[in-house]
Each structure stands twice: as C-alpha cells, then as structure tokens.
N, C-alpha and C. Protein backbone atom coordinates (compact mmCIF):
# COMPACT_ATOMS: atom_id res chain seq x y z
N UNK A 1 -10.22 11.05 -12.04
CA UNK A 1 -9.59 9.95 -11.34
C UNK A 1 -8.21 9.66 -11.92
N UNK A 2 -8.08 9.60 -13.23
CA UNK A 2 -6.82 9.21 -13.85
C UNK A 2 -5.68 10.14 -13.45
N UNK A 3 -5.93 11.46 -13.45
CA UNK A 3 -4.84 12.37 -13.09
C UNK A 3 -4.43 12.17 -11.63
N UNK A 4 -5.38 11.88 -10.76
CA UNK A 4 -5.05 11.63 -9.36
C UNK A 4 -4.17 10.39 -9.25
N UNK A 5 -4.52 9.34 -9.95
CA UNK A 5 -3.73 8.12 -9.90
C UNK A 5 -2.32 8.37 -10.39
N UNK A 6 -2.19 9.11 -11.45
CA UNK A 6 -0.87 9.32 -12.05
C UNK A 6 0.03 10.21 -11.22
N UNK A 7 -0.55 11.13 -10.42
CA UNK A 7 0.29 12.02 -9.60
C UNK A 7 1.21 11.23 -8.70
N UNK A 8 0.68 10.26 -8.02
CA UNK A 8 1.49 9.49 -7.09
C UNK A 8 2.00 8.19 -7.68
N UNK A 9 1.50 7.81 -8.85
CA UNK A 9 1.83 6.51 -9.43
C UNK A 9 3.32 6.32 -9.66
N UNK A 10 3.94 7.28 -10.29
CA UNK A 10 5.37 7.14 -10.60
C UNK A 10 6.19 7.05 -9.32
N UNK A 11 5.87 7.88 -8.36
CA UNK A 11 6.64 7.89 -7.12
C UNK A 11 6.47 6.59 -6.35
N UNK A 12 5.25 6.11 -6.23
CA UNK A 12 5.04 4.86 -5.48
C UNK A 12 5.70 3.70 -6.20
N UNK A 13 5.60 3.65 -7.52
CA UNK A 13 6.24 2.57 -8.27
C UNK A 13 7.75 2.60 -8.06
N UNK A 14 8.33 3.78 -8.03
CA UNK A 14 9.76 3.88 -7.79
C UNK A 14 10.12 3.39 -6.39
N UNK A 15 9.27 3.64 -5.42
CA UNK A 15 9.53 3.18 -4.07
C UNK A 15 9.60 1.66 -4.03
N UNK A 16 8.70 1.02 -4.73
CA UNK A 16 8.69 -0.44 -4.77
C UNK A 16 9.94 -0.94 -5.47
N UNK A 17 10.26 -0.36 -6.62
CA UNK A 17 11.43 -0.79 -7.36
C UNK A 17 12.73 -0.51 -6.63
N UNK A 18 12.72 0.48 -5.77
CA UNK A 18 13.93 0.82 -5.03
C UNK A 18 14.21 -0.14 -3.87
N UNK A 19 13.34 -1.09 -3.69
CA UNK A 19 13.60 -2.10 -2.67
C UNK A 19 13.00 -1.80 -1.31
N UNK A 20 11.88 -1.12 -1.28
CA UNK A 20 11.24 -0.82 -0.02
C UNK A 20 11.00 -2.08 0.79
N UNK A 21 10.53 -3.13 0.17
CA UNK A 21 10.23 -4.36 0.92
C UNK A 21 11.49 -4.93 1.55
N UNK A 22 12.58 -4.90 0.81
CA UNK A 22 13.83 -5.42 1.36
C UNK A 22 14.28 -4.56 2.53
N UNK A 23 14.17 -3.26 2.37
CA UNK A 23 14.59 -2.36 3.44
C UNK A 23 13.69 -2.51 4.66
N UNK A 24 12.41 -2.81 4.44
CA UNK A 24 11.48 -2.95 5.55
C UNK A 24 11.88 -4.10 6.45
N UNK A 25 12.44 -5.15 5.88
CA UNK A 25 12.83 -6.32 6.66
C UNK A 25 14.15 -6.12 7.41
N UNK A 26 14.87 -5.05 7.13
CA UNK A 26 16.14 -4.80 7.79
C UNK A 26 15.89 -4.02 9.08
N UNK A 27 16.86 -4.07 9.96
CA UNK A 27 16.80 -3.23 11.15
C UNK A 27 16.88 -1.78 10.71
N UNK A 28 16.24 -0.85 11.44
CA UNK A 28 16.24 0.56 11.03
C UNK A 28 17.63 1.11 10.77
N UNK A 29 18.61 0.70 11.56
CA UNK A 29 19.95 1.26 11.36
C UNK A 29 20.62 0.74 10.09
N UNK A 30 20.09 -0.33 9.48
CA UNK A 30 20.68 -0.87 8.25
C UNK A 30 20.07 -0.27 7.00
N UNK A 31 18.93 0.34 7.10
CA UNK A 31 18.26 0.93 5.96
C UNK A 31 18.60 2.40 5.86
N UNK A 32 18.82 2.87 4.66
CA UNK A 32 19.20 4.27 4.51
C UNK A 32 18.02 5.22 4.64
N UNK A 33 16.79 4.75 4.41
CA UNK A 33 15.66 5.67 4.46
C UNK A 33 14.52 5.25 5.38
N UNK A 34 14.65 4.15 6.09
CA UNK A 34 13.65 3.77 7.08
C UNK A 34 13.93 4.58 8.34
N UNK A 35 12.92 5.33 8.79
CA UNK A 35 13.13 6.24 9.91
C UNK A 35 12.39 5.81 11.17
N UNK A 36 11.38 4.99 11.06
CA UNK A 36 10.62 4.54 12.22
C UNK A 36 9.99 3.19 11.93
N UNK A 37 9.66 2.46 12.99
CA UNK A 37 8.91 1.21 12.88
C UNK A 37 7.90 1.18 14.02
N UNK A 38 6.66 0.86 13.68
CA UNK A 38 5.58 0.79 14.64
C UNK A 38 4.84 -0.54 14.45
N UNK A 39 5.19 -1.53 15.22
CA UNK A 39 4.58 -2.86 15.18
C UNK A 39 4.63 -3.40 13.75
N UNK A 40 3.51 -3.44 13.03
CA UNK A 40 3.47 -4.02 11.69
C UNK A 40 3.79 -3.02 10.58
N UNK A 41 4.00 -1.76 10.91
CA UNK A 41 4.18 -0.71 9.91
C UNK A 41 5.53 -0.02 10.07
N UNK A 42 6.12 0.33 8.92
CA UNK A 42 7.38 1.08 8.90
C UNK A 42 7.15 2.41 8.21
N UNK A 43 7.99 3.37 8.53
CA UNK A 43 7.95 4.70 7.91
C UNK A 43 9.27 4.94 7.21
N UNK A 44 9.19 5.42 5.98
CA UNK A 44 10.36 5.74 5.17
C UNK A 44 10.30 7.20 4.76
N UNK A 45 11.47 7.78 4.54
CA UNK A 45 11.55 9.17 4.11
C UNK A 45 12.68 9.33 3.11
N UNK A 46 12.39 10.03 2.05
CA UNK A 46 13.39 10.43 1.06
C UNK A 46 13.41 11.95 1.03
N UNK A 47 14.56 12.53 0.72
CA UNK A 47 14.66 13.99 0.74
C UNK A 47 14.72 14.62 -0.64
N UNK A 48 15.11 13.90 -1.66
CA UNK A 48 15.27 14.50 -2.99
C UNK A 48 14.68 13.61 -4.07
N UNK A 49 13.44 13.80 -4.44
CA UNK A 49 12.48 14.79 -3.93
C UNK A 49 11.89 14.33 -2.60
N UNK A 50 11.37 15.28 -1.86
CA UNK A 50 10.79 15.00 -0.54
C UNK A 50 9.59 14.08 -0.70
N UNK A 51 9.61 12.93 0.01
CA UNK A 51 8.48 12.01 0.04
C UNK A 51 8.60 11.12 1.26
N UNK A 52 7.45 10.78 1.82
CA UNK A 52 7.40 9.93 3.01
C UNK A 52 6.28 8.92 2.79
N UNK A 53 6.46 7.75 3.38
CA UNK A 53 5.40 6.77 3.25
C UNK A 53 5.44 5.79 4.41
N UNK A 54 4.26 5.32 4.77
CA UNK A 54 4.14 4.22 5.72
C UNK A 54 3.81 2.99 4.90
N UNK A 55 4.33 1.83 5.30
CA UNK A 55 4.19 0.63 4.48
C UNK A 55 4.17 -0.61 5.37
N UNK A 56 3.45 -1.61 4.90
CA UNK A 56 3.40 -2.88 5.61
C UNK A 56 3.29 -4.01 4.60
N UNK A 57 3.70 -5.19 5.01
CA UNK A 57 3.51 -6.40 4.21
C UNK A 57 2.43 -7.24 4.90
N UNK A 58 1.81 -8.16 4.17
CA UNK A 58 0.68 -8.90 4.75
C UNK A 58 1.11 -9.92 5.80
N UNK A 59 0.22 -10.16 6.75
CA UNK A 59 0.41 -11.22 7.73
C UNK A 59 -0.02 -12.56 7.17
N UNK A 60 -1.00 -12.52 6.27
CA UNK A 60 -1.52 -13.74 5.68
C UNK A 60 -1.86 -13.50 4.21
N UNK A 61 -1.57 -14.49 3.38
CA UNK A 61 -1.86 -14.44 1.96
C UNK A 61 -2.49 -15.77 1.54
N UNK A 62 -3.62 -15.69 0.83
CA UNK A 62 -4.28 -16.88 0.32
C UNK A 62 -4.50 -16.67 -1.18
N UNK A 63 -4.03 -17.61 -1.99
CA UNK A 63 -4.19 -17.55 -3.44
C UNK A 63 -5.10 -18.70 -3.87
N UNK A 64 -6.14 -18.39 -4.66
CA UNK A 64 -7.05 -19.44 -5.11
C UNK A 64 -7.29 -19.33 -6.61
N UNK A 65 -7.56 -20.49 -7.20
CA UNK A 65 -7.95 -20.56 -8.60
C UNK A 65 -9.02 -21.64 -8.69
N UNK A 66 -10.14 -21.31 -9.33
CA UNK A 66 -11.26 -22.25 -9.44
C UNK A 66 -11.69 -22.77 -8.07
N UNK A 67 -11.63 -21.90 -7.06
CA UNK A 67 -12.08 -22.27 -5.73
C UNK A 67 -11.10 -23.08 -4.90
N UNK A 68 -9.93 -23.38 -5.44
CA UNK A 68 -8.93 -24.18 -4.71
C UNK A 68 -7.71 -23.33 -4.38
N UNK A 69 -7.15 -23.58 -3.21
CA UNK A 69 -5.92 -22.88 -2.82
C UNK A 69 -4.79 -23.38 -3.70
N UNK A 70 -4.02 -22.43 -4.25
CA UNK A 70 -2.90 -22.77 -5.12
C UNK A 70 -1.65 -22.02 -4.68
N UNK A 71 -0.51 -22.58 -5.01
CA UNK A 71 0.77 -21.91 -4.77
C UNK A 71 1.12 -21.13 -6.03
N UNK A 72 1.43 -19.86 -5.87
CA UNK A 72 1.82 -19.01 -7.00
C UNK A 72 3.02 -18.17 -6.60
N UNK A 73 3.76 -17.73 -7.61
CA UNK A 73 4.89 -16.83 -7.37
C UNK A 73 4.38 -15.40 -7.46
N UNK A 74 4.71 -14.63 -6.44
CA UNK A 74 4.33 -13.22 -6.41
C UNK A 74 5.55 -12.41 -5.99
N UNK A 75 5.59 -11.20 -6.47
CA UNK A 75 6.63 -10.28 -6.04
C UNK A 75 6.25 -9.68 -4.70
N UNK A 76 6.79 -8.50 -4.42
CA UNK A 76 6.50 -7.81 -3.17
C UNK A 76 5.01 -7.49 -3.07
N UNK A 77 4.44 -7.75 -1.90
CA UNK A 77 3.05 -7.45 -1.61
C UNK A 77 3.07 -6.39 -0.52
N UNK A 78 2.66 -5.16 -0.85
CA UNK A 78 2.81 -4.04 0.07
C UNK A 78 1.59 -3.12 0.03
N UNK A 79 1.23 -2.61 1.19
CA UNK A 79 0.17 -1.61 1.33
C UNK A 79 0.84 -0.33 1.81
N UNK A 80 0.59 0.77 1.10
CA UNK A 80 1.25 2.05 1.35
C UNK A 80 0.25 3.15 1.69
N UNK A 81 0.72 4.14 2.43
CA UNK A 81 0.08 5.45 2.51
C UNK A 81 1.22 6.44 2.28
N UNK A 82 1.10 7.23 1.20
CA UNK A 82 2.22 8.07 0.75
C UNK A 82 1.93 9.56 0.86
N UNK A 83 3.00 10.31 1.10
CA UNK A 83 2.96 11.77 1.17
C UNK A 83 4.08 12.29 0.28
N UNK A 84 3.70 13.03 -0.77
CA UNK A 84 4.69 13.56 -1.71
C UNK A 84 4.33 15.03 -1.93
N UNK A 85 4.86 15.93 -1.10
CA UNK A 85 4.45 17.33 -1.15
C UNK A 85 4.62 17.98 -2.51
N UNK A 86 5.67 17.68 -3.23
CA UNK A 86 5.91 18.30 -4.53
C UNK A 86 4.90 17.89 -5.60
N UNK A 87 4.17 16.81 -5.35
CA UNK A 87 3.15 16.34 -6.30
C UNK A 87 1.74 16.47 -5.73
N UNK A 88 1.64 17.20 -4.61
CA UNK A 88 0.35 17.40 -3.94
C UNK A 88 -0.34 16.09 -3.58
N UNK A 89 0.46 15.12 -3.17
CA UNK A 89 -0.06 13.83 -2.71
C UNK A 89 0.05 13.81 -1.20
N UNK A 90 -1.10 13.66 -0.52
CA UNK A 90 -1.11 13.66 0.95
C UNK A 90 -2.01 12.53 1.44
N UNK A 91 -1.41 11.45 1.88
CA UNK A 91 -2.19 10.35 2.42
C UNK A 91 -2.78 9.44 1.36
N UNK A 92 -2.09 9.27 0.24
CA UNK A 92 -2.60 8.43 -0.84
C UNK A 92 -2.41 6.96 -0.51
N UNK A 93 -3.50 6.21 -0.56
CA UNK A 93 -3.48 4.78 -0.28
C UNK A 93 -3.20 4.05 -1.58
N UNK A 94 -2.24 3.12 -1.54
CA UNK A 94 -1.93 2.31 -2.72
C UNK A 94 -1.50 0.92 -2.29
N UNK A 95 -1.53 0.00 -3.24
CA UNK A 95 -1.28 -1.41 -2.97
C UNK A 95 -0.60 -2.02 -4.18
N UNK A 96 0.40 -2.84 -3.93
CA UNK A 96 0.97 -3.66 -4.99
C UNK A 96 0.82 -5.11 -4.57
N UNK A 97 0.23 -5.91 -5.45
CA UNK A 97 -0.06 -7.30 -5.14
C UNK A 97 1.02 -8.27 -5.55
N UNK A 98 2.09 -7.77 -6.17
CA UNK A 98 3.18 -8.65 -6.57
C UNK A 98 2.92 -9.38 -7.88
N UNK A 99 1.98 -8.88 -8.66
CA UNK A 99 1.66 -9.45 -9.97
C UNK A 99 0.84 -8.42 -10.74
N UNK A 100 0.73 -8.57 -12.09
CA UNK A 100 -0.15 -7.67 -12.84
C UNK A 100 -1.62 -8.02 -12.56
N UNK A 101 -2.39 -7.00 -12.23
CA UNK A 101 -3.82 -7.20 -12.01
C UNK A 101 -4.53 -7.41 -13.34
N UNK A 102 -5.68 -8.09 -13.29
CA UNK A 102 -6.50 -8.28 -14.49
C UNK A 102 -6.91 -6.90 -15.01
N UNK A 103 -6.75 -6.68 -16.32
CA UNK A 103 -7.11 -5.40 -16.93
C UNK A 103 -8.54 -5.02 -16.59
N UNK A 104 -8.73 -3.77 -16.19
CA UNK A 104 -10.05 -3.26 -15.90
C UNK A 104 -10.62 -3.69 -14.56
N UNK A 105 -9.83 -4.40 -13.77
CA UNK A 105 -10.33 -4.89 -12.48
C UNK A 105 -10.13 -3.85 -11.39
N UNK A 106 -10.77 -4.10 -10.26
CA UNK A 106 -10.53 -3.30 -9.06
C UNK A 106 -10.08 -4.24 -7.95
N UNK A 107 -9.43 -3.66 -6.96
CA UNK A 107 -9.04 -4.39 -5.76
C UNK A 107 -10.02 -3.97 -4.67
N UNK A 108 -10.56 -4.94 -3.97
CA UNK A 108 -11.47 -4.67 -2.87
C UNK A 108 -10.66 -4.56 -1.58
N UNK A 109 -10.83 -3.46 -0.88
CA UNK A 109 -10.15 -3.22 0.40
C UNK A 109 -11.23 -3.18 1.47
N UNK A 110 -11.18 -4.14 2.41
CA UNK A 110 -12.17 -4.19 3.48
C UNK A 110 -11.49 -3.91 4.81
N UNK A 111 -12.08 -2.96 5.55
CA UNK A 111 -11.58 -2.60 6.87
C UNK A 111 -12.78 -2.43 7.79
N UNK A 112 -12.87 -3.25 8.82
CA UNK A 112 -13.90 -3.08 9.83
C UNK A 112 -15.31 -3.00 9.29
N UNK A 113 -15.66 -3.78 8.31
CA UNK A 113 -17.01 -3.78 7.77
C UNK A 113 -17.25 -2.79 6.65
N UNK A 114 -16.30 -1.90 6.39
CA UNK A 114 -16.39 -0.96 5.26
C UNK A 114 -15.58 -1.50 4.11
N UNK A 115 -16.10 -1.35 2.88
CA UNK A 115 -15.39 -1.83 1.70
C UNK A 115 -15.14 -0.67 0.75
N UNK A 116 -13.92 -0.64 0.20
CA UNK A 116 -13.51 0.40 -0.73
C UNK A 116 -12.93 -0.26 -1.97
N UNK A 117 -13.10 0.38 -3.13
CA UNK A 117 -12.51 -0.11 -4.37
C UNK A 117 -11.25 0.67 -4.69
N UNK A 118 -10.20 -0.07 -5.04
CA UNK A 118 -8.96 0.54 -5.53
C UNK A 118 -8.86 0.21 -7.00
N UNK A 119 -8.50 1.18 -7.81
CA UNK A 119 -8.42 1.00 -9.24
C UNK A 119 -7.01 0.58 -9.64
N UNK A 120 -6.93 -0.32 -10.60
CA UNK A 120 -5.65 -0.94 -10.94
C UNK A 120 -5.04 -0.40 -12.22
N UNK A 121 -3.70 -0.50 -12.26
CA UNK A 121 -2.93 -0.20 -13.46
C UNK A 121 -1.65 -1.02 -13.33
N UNK A 122 -1.53 -2.08 -14.12
CA UNK A 122 -0.36 -2.95 -14.02
C UNK A 122 -0.35 -3.68 -12.69
N UNK A 123 0.72 -3.48 -11.91
CA UNK A 123 0.86 -4.14 -10.61
C UNK A 123 0.47 -3.24 -9.44
N UNK A 124 -0.06 -2.05 -9.72
CA UNK A 124 -0.41 -1.10 -8.66
C UNK A 124 -1.91 -0.84 -8.63
N UNK A 125 -2.41 -0.49 -7.45
CA UNK A 125 -3.81 -0.12 -7.28
C UNK A 125 -3.88 1.09 -6.35
N UNK A 126 -4.83 2.02 -6.62
CA UNK A 126 -4.99 3.24 -5.85
C UNK A 126 -6.45 3.52 -5.64
N UNK A 127 -6.71 4.37 -4.65
CA UNK A 127 -8.06 4.87 -4.47
C UNK A 127 -8.37 5.86 -5.60
N UNK A 128 -9.64 6.20 -5.75
CA UNK A 128 -10.05 7.05 -6.87
C UNK A 128 -9.78 8.53 -6.64
N UNK A 129 -9.73 8.96 -5.37
CA UNK A 129 -9.64 10.40 -5.12
C UNK A 129 -9.03 10.67 -3.74
N UNK A 130 -8.61 11.91 -3.53
CA UNK A 130 -8.12 12.27 -2.20
C UNK A 130 -9.20 12.11 -1.12
N UNK A 131 -10.45 12.34 -1.48
CA UNK A 131 -11.54 12.17 -0.52
C UNK A 131 -11.67 10.70 -0.11
N UNK A 132 -11.51 9.79 -1.07
CA UNK A 132 -11.53 8.37 -0.74
C UNK A 132 -10.37 8.01 0.17
N UNK A 133 -9.20 8.59 -0.08
CA UNK A 133 -8.05 8.33 0.78
C UNK A 133 -8.34 8.71 2.22
N UNK A 134 -8.98 9.86 2.43
CA UNK A 134 -9.31 10.31 3.78
C UNK A 134 -10.22 9.29 4.46
N UNK A 135 -11.22 8.80 3.75
CA UNK A 135 -12.13 7.79 4.32
C UNK A 135 -11.41 6.49 4.63
N UNK A 136 -10.57 6.04 3.71
CA UNK A 136 -9.85 4.78 3.91
C UNK A 136 -8.89 4.88 5.09
N UNK A 137 -8.13 5.96 5.16
CA UNK A 137 -7.18 6.13 6.26
C UNK A 137 -7.92 6.19 7.60
N UNK A 138 -9.06 6.89 7.65
CA UNK A 138 -9.84 6.95 8.88
C UNK A 138 -10.31 5.56 9.29
N UNK A 139 -10.78 4.77 8.33
CA UNK A 139 -11.22 3.40 8.63
C UNK A 139 -10.05 2.56 9.11
N UNK A 140 -8.89 2.72 8.48
CA UNK A 140 -7.72 1.95 8.87
C UNK A 140 -7.25 2.33 10.28
N UNK A 141 -7.39 3.58 10.66
CA UNK A 141 -7.02 3.99 12.01
C UNK A 141 -7.91 3.33 13.06
N UNK A 142 -9.17 3.06 12.71
CA UNK A 142 -10.11 2.43 13.64
C UNK A 142 -10.06 0.91 13.60
N UNK A 143 -9.54 0.34 12.51
CA UNK A 143 -9.61 -1.10 12.30
C UNK A 143 -8.47 -1.88 12.90
N UNK A 144 -8.65 -3.21 12.90
CA UNK A 144 -7.61 -4.14 13.38
C UNK A 144 -6.83 -4.74 12.23
N UNK A 145 -7.49 -4.91 11.08
CA UNK A 145 -6.80 -5.42 9.90
C UNK A 145 -7.47 -4.92 8.63
N UNK A 146 -6.72 -5.00 7.55
CA UNK A 146 -7.20 -4.62 6.22
C UNK A 146 -7.05 -5.84 5.33
N UNK A 147 -8.12 -6.18 4.61
CA UNK A 147 -8.10 -7.34 3.72
C UNK A 147 -8.27 -6.85 2.29
N UNK A 148 -7.29 -7.18 1.45
CA UNK A 148 -7.33 -6.78 0.05
C UNK A 148 -7.53 -8.01 -0.81
N UNK A 149 -8.58 -7.97 -1.64
CA UNK A 149 -8.91 -9.09 -2.52
C UNK A 149 -8.80 -8.60 -3.95
N UNK A 150 -8.08 -9.36 -4.77
CA UNK A 150 -7.82 -8.94 -6.15
C UNK A 150 -7.75 -10.15 -7.06
N UNK A 151 -7.69 -9.87 -8.37
CA UNK A 151 -7.55 -10.93 -9.36
C UNK A 151 -6.38 -10.62 -10.28
N UNK A 152 -5.54 -11.63 -10.48
CA UNK A 152 -4.37 -11.47 -11.34
C UNK A 152 -4.78 -11.57 -12.81
N UNK A 153 -3.87 -11.18 -13.68
CA UNK A 153 -4.11 -11.28 -15.11
C UNK A 153 -4.23 -12.73 -15.56
N UNK A 154 -3.80 -13.68 -14.72
CA UNK A 154 -3.90 -15.11 -15.02
C UNK A 154 -5.13 -15.76 -14.39
N UNK A 155 -5.96 -14.95 -13.71
CA UNK A 155 -7.18 -15.49 -13.13
C UNK A 155 -7.07 -16.00 -11.71
N UNK A 156 -5.95 -15.78 -11.07
CA UNK A 156 -5.80 -16.19 -9.68
C UNK A 156 -6.42 -15.11 -8.79
N UNK A 157 -7.23 -15.54 -7.82
CA UNK A 157 -7.77 -14.59 -6.84
C UNK A 157 -6.84 -14.60 -5.64
N UNK A 158 -6.51 -13.40 -5.17
CA UNK A 158 -5.63 -13.28 -4.01
C UNK A 158 -6.35 -12.56 -2.90
N UNK A 159 -6.04 -12.97 -1.68
CA UNK A 159 -6.61 -12.33 -0.49
C UNK A 159 -5.46 -12.12 0.48
N UNK A 160 -5.12 -10.86 0.70
CA UNK A 160 -3.99 -10.49 1.55
C UNK A 160 -4.50 -9.74 2.77
N UNK A 161 -4.11 -10.20 3.95
CA UNK A 161 -4.55 -9.60 5.21
C UNK A 161 -3.38 -8.88 5.86
N UNK A 162 -3.57 -7.58 6.10
CA UNK A 162 -2.56 -6.72 6.71
C UNK A 162 -2.99 -6.34 8.12
N UNK A 163 -2.10 -6.48 9.09
CA UNK A 163 -2.37 -6.00 10.43
C UNK A 163 -2.35 -4.47 10.42
N UNK A 164 -3.23 -3.87 11.19
CA UNK A 164 -3.23 -2.42 11.31
C UNK A 164 -2.64 -1.97 12.65
N UNK A 165 -2.02 -2.89 13.38
CA UNK A 165 -1.35 -2.50 14.61
C UNK A 165 -0.14 -1.65 14.26
N UNK A 166 -0.11 -0.46 14.81
CA UNK A 166 0.96 0.49 14.51
C UNK A 166 0.64 1.41 13.36
N UNK A 167 -0.50 1.19 12.68
CA UNK A 167 -0.83 2.00 11.50
C UNK A 167 -0.97 3.48 11.84
N UNK A 168 -1.76 3.79 12.87
CA UNK A 168 -2.01 5.20 13.19
C UNK A 168 -0.71 5.94 13.47
N UNK A 169 0.15 5.37 14.29
CA UNK A 169 1.43 6.02 14.60
C UNK A 169 2.28 6.18 13.35
N UNK A 170 2.30 5.15 12.49
CA UNK A 170 3.13 5.21 11.28
C UNK A 170 2.62 6.26 10.29
N UNK A 171 1.33 6.28 10.06
CA UNK A 171 0.79 7.23 9.07
C UNK A 171 0.92 8.67 9.59
N UNK A 172 0.75 8.86 10.90
CA UNK A 172 0.92 10.20 11.44
C UNK A 172 2.38 10.65 11.40
N UNK A 173 3.30 9.73 11.61
CA UNK A 173 4.74 10.04 11.51
C UNK A 173 5.11 10.41 10.08
N UNK A 174 4.62 9.64 9.11
CA UNK A 174 4.90 9.94 7.70
C UNK A 174 4.34 11.31 7.32
N UNK A 175 3.11 11.57 7.74
CA UNK A 175 2.47 12.87 7.43
C UNK A 175 3.27 14.02 8.03
N UNK A 176 3.68 13.87 9.28
CA UNK A 176 4.43 14.94 9.96
C UNK A 176 5.77 15.20 9.26
N UNK A 177 6.43 14.15 8.84
CA UNK A 177 7.74 14.31 8.20
C UNK A 177 7.64 14.98 6.84
N UNK A 178 6.48 14.88 6.18
CA UNK A 178 6.35 15.46 4.84
C UNK A 178 5.39 16.64 4.79
N UNK A 179 5.24 17.32 5.89
CA UNK A 179 4.44 18.54 5.90
C UNK A 179 5.36 19.70 5.54
N UNK A 180 4.96 20.42 4.52
CA UNK A 180 5.81 21.55 4.08
C UNK A 180 5.48 22.79 4.86
C-alpha cells in the first residue's frame, strides 16, 4: 500500500500547491492547464512531466466538534482522479481536506451506498491500491454524489459532499489525454 500511495503522492501534492483550486475557479481560457470543464468537474493537463487529472470542489461542507457545527479555517478541499503515465498512476483517487488529518486515521468515501476507506498522510488521502481505484471510479460513475468524512488533527469531524455531475466525462477526458 505505501509504495502505491507514494507513487502519486508527490505529483498530486504538487498539483494542489500549484494552485489547482484557484485555476479551477477561472474560466478555461484564463488557466494555463485547464483543458475542459464538465458541470462540477474540471480536467487539467500538464506536459512536463505528462500528467492529467479531473478535480472538483465540494458543494457542501459541514464541520463538527463534540456533535456541534463549528466554523473552522480550511485550505483547498478537492477530490481528484489522477493519471501520471511516467509513474504508472492511472485513475488514482485522492482527496485533500484542507487540513492535516488525524494521524493513523482514514477518510470514509461514500458513493451510492458503497463505502471506501482512503488512507491519510498529512493533508492528503488515497485509496489503498489500483484495484480499489477501479472500484471507486466505477461507483462514482454510477453515483450522484460522493461524501467524504474525515477527522482533523484537532479533532474536528468534516463532511464534504461532492457532486458527481460531469464526473464520467471528466475522468474519461483525463484518461484519454494521458494514455501513452
């Protein structure tokens, strides 16, 4: 599991740090690497090194502590599916919650009645294996929304709901652009 997480970890973290969320909010012609937009999902492509990803931000976010809704500061909250041919990453599901996750915790990803665990490292979470990615992406293609529930290092529980409208078109576009 660890080697799988690390293959795409550096690349996905760089995507977040490079301002993917800011670029997602811009019109396609204003972003240097946004190539398509499909309802709630955008597709980005980089050429050096070759990598493509579909990404979305949540439609709804609820933060709770001790059972009460609280206001908290969070960074970018993004759900990704990444393709990085040079690192043998194809359809890797990852999530950044905009805060450091509690050490040793997992993020619960629920889509259409199916639940998957994403393993955390710092502010990022990933599926355990390429086989899990295939199952998650298939569920997301059939679903209407994805709900990610996690716990911060400060004990705040977060619940982020992502629309899956446009997901299938976005993930297929990203995959096609990064097929070697």
